[in-house]
Structure formats: structure tokens, C-alpha cells
Amino acid sequence: MSTDALYATKRVNGILVVIFRQSQMLNAVTIEQVSAGLKEVVEKAAEEKFVVDFSQVNYLSSSALGMLISLQRRVMQKKGQIKLSGIKPEIMEVFRITKLDTVFDIYKDAAAAVEAFRSNQ
């Protein structure tokens, strides 16, 4: 599966928004492909601010959570920031249980996350 089928990227006011396209991020192969693709995106991006949009994701495995933590580390090494958006209530519950809701800045949608970056400038 190509990374185009897994996620899309767009730039909004100097912020790179990554939109997951898969409704389920469960199997290891898919998560590894997303992880490798996002690693490359972060390394090549001129931007230091990233929004990861989960609005199309209905299911997320624990491996996907690990991928997000790795992504955050990579962004921080670049002296950047990451915000998450569009997380459905069922998935948000997993973030609460694992305390990842205290690790990540999470917003209702990508527009709110972008605005949060803009208002912090």
C-alpha cells in the first residue's frame, strides 16, 4: 500500500498538517509504513510545527500509539512541536487510559490545532 493511501499532507500557514486516510490503524505492516513515511516527512519538512489529523480514523492499535510517541520524539529532536486533532471519543478514551492525553496537545479538529499554533506565535 502506498503512503498516499495511508495519509495526505498539506501546508497551512507554515504548519504541516498530516491527515490519516485509513479508518483503521491496526496491523503492524500499515503502522510501519505510516511510521517510515512520517519519519521521512518530518526529516524533509521545512516546517517545525505539525498537526496530525485523526478525523478519519475509527480504530487505533497500541502499536499506533507507540508510533505517535516515536513521531513526537523525532519532531522534538528537530526543535518542533506536534498537535493532534480529530480524535474520536472511543479513541480518546485510550489516550486518557494511557495518559497520552497529558503528553500530546489534542484539539477538536485540525483548524483548531492550526489556530492554537498561530495564537502561540
Foldseek 3Di string as FASTA:
>chain_A
DAVVQQWDWDDDPLEIEIEGNDQEAADPVSLVNPLVVLLVCLVPDPGLEYEYECQSHNYYDVVNVVSVVVSQVSSVVVVGAYAYENDDPVVVVVCVVVVVCVVHHYYHGPVVVVVVVVVVD
